[in-house]
Amino acid sequence: MSRQRHLIPFLEAIDSAVVGCVGDVMLDRFVYGGVSRISPEAPIPVLLIGPQQSSQQSMLGGLGNVIRNLGALGCGIRLFSITGEDAAGAEVDALVRAMPRCEAYLMGESSRRTPVKIRYIAHSQQLLRVDQETTEIAGPEVFEALLAHFTAHVAECSIVFLSDYAKGMLKGSHAQAFIRVARAAGKSVVVDPKGIGFERYRQATVIKPNLKELSEATRMPVDDSGAQESAARKLLEVTEAEFILLTRGAAGMLLVPRDRQRVEFPALAREVYDVSGAGDTVAAVLAAALGSGAGMGEAVELANIAAGIAVGKLGTAVVDRGEIIHEIEHESAIAASGKILRPTEATERLRAWRRMGRRVGFTRGDFNPLSPGHLELLERARARCDRLMVGLAVQEGGDASHARALLLASMAAVDAVVLCDPQSPEELMEAWNRETLLVETTAFGTEPW
């Protein structure tokens, strides 16, 4: 995975995205208990539920799970959805408003029941799921009011994401109405589809079906990569989309652009514990990466890595960008040259780390010669912060200095080596301190930390 080292700057900038989220928000409720006997009334287990405060857990589901993932990535969120005027709707509203950087435009509809999925679980096994929901199309008054909110705020979004769970929000011409407004505002649109009538997603930028949805929507075979590409190109014709991103479970993903060859992304999961929610993780990372300026290839690579992490967790767990960075770094011996930065690159990297809440330290010196004592001091310095930058004074044409830079960058304790002219390390440190970007500084040859 060393070739994926180039993705880290995109992850560090991902919190610059503001994702406009439109679609079906649900409530996922988990009820926990124990089973020790079979019912005398029927051959079914008897679930004994414990105290109320410890036996139930509720979290956002559907589009809400995408929002949870976006929150873990640090993105800004604009949410547009419809709930029922019921207790579950009030619970959804409270969960949404507790999320950082999330502005929610939730419309209540008295005739609607907020979708709730209740899972009864014993000994880590799901015994039963009960769904409570309304799937009828949203009424014209509440829909027009929501579309007006979306039109007023779409300019604040860097990208728009539509999540269709067939619960009524995006039925009929509703999806097309949101897409038209978004495209008129110059925004890319990512769609997670449902059902068979994909014409309603016409002119979306990316549509992300799974194998079952692709087969049902096109009525074409999807047994191998060639057949899958043919079916995807049929969808491209019907929808006038720019890309189809096909999620294929253990086979990974297939990206089919309108005017270029397909690209396959093999699955990266080491162990699969639970696939629930992985599609929402893919959608969130894809939208956030595109919204922060990544190209389609980089965005899909990041989404693929996130999917591999998500299926290694139990339940509809979210994946944060720190986990994705760790996965890239852990699975690869990072090329030392990828850590060597010029001052302007270092400043951008430093700001990104600070946005992520990382404690950044800086030390500088010429490390000539690079000694075992230096290595020990660098290890001690790294223990005081989350990321360590090393400023290295480089003479013009100094091959020996560049060799020392590679040696420093190859150390696990060093996260970046900044190539400076002999006068600039102190200037850099002063500028970074003015922005409160550093937490610790030192210079070798004076005092260690």
Foldseek 3Di string as FASTA:
>chain_A
DLVLLVLLLLLLLLQAFEEEEFEAKAKEKEFEFAWDDADPVDRATDGDGDDPVPGMDIAIDFSRLLVVQLLLSNHAYEYFYEAEPDPRVVVVVVRQVVGPNYDYDYHYDPVWHGWYWYFYDHPNDTRDIDIDTAQAADDPVRLVVSLVVCLVCLLVGLAYEYGYPNRHRQPDLSLVSSVVSNVVSVHAYEYADDDAPCLSQAAHAEYEYELVNLCRNQVWDDPDPVRVQVSQQVSCVSRVYQWYWYQYPQQGIWIHGNPDHIDGDGADAPDFDAQPQLVSQLRSQLRSSVSSPDDNVSSNNLSRLQSNVQRVDPDNDHDYSVNSSCVNVVVDQHQLVSQEEELVVVVSVLVSCVSVVWAEEEEEDQCVPVDPVNVVLLQVRLVVTVAYEYEHAADVVRPVSVVVSSVQSSDPSHRHYYYDHPPCPVVSVVVCVVVVSHDYYDYPPPDGD
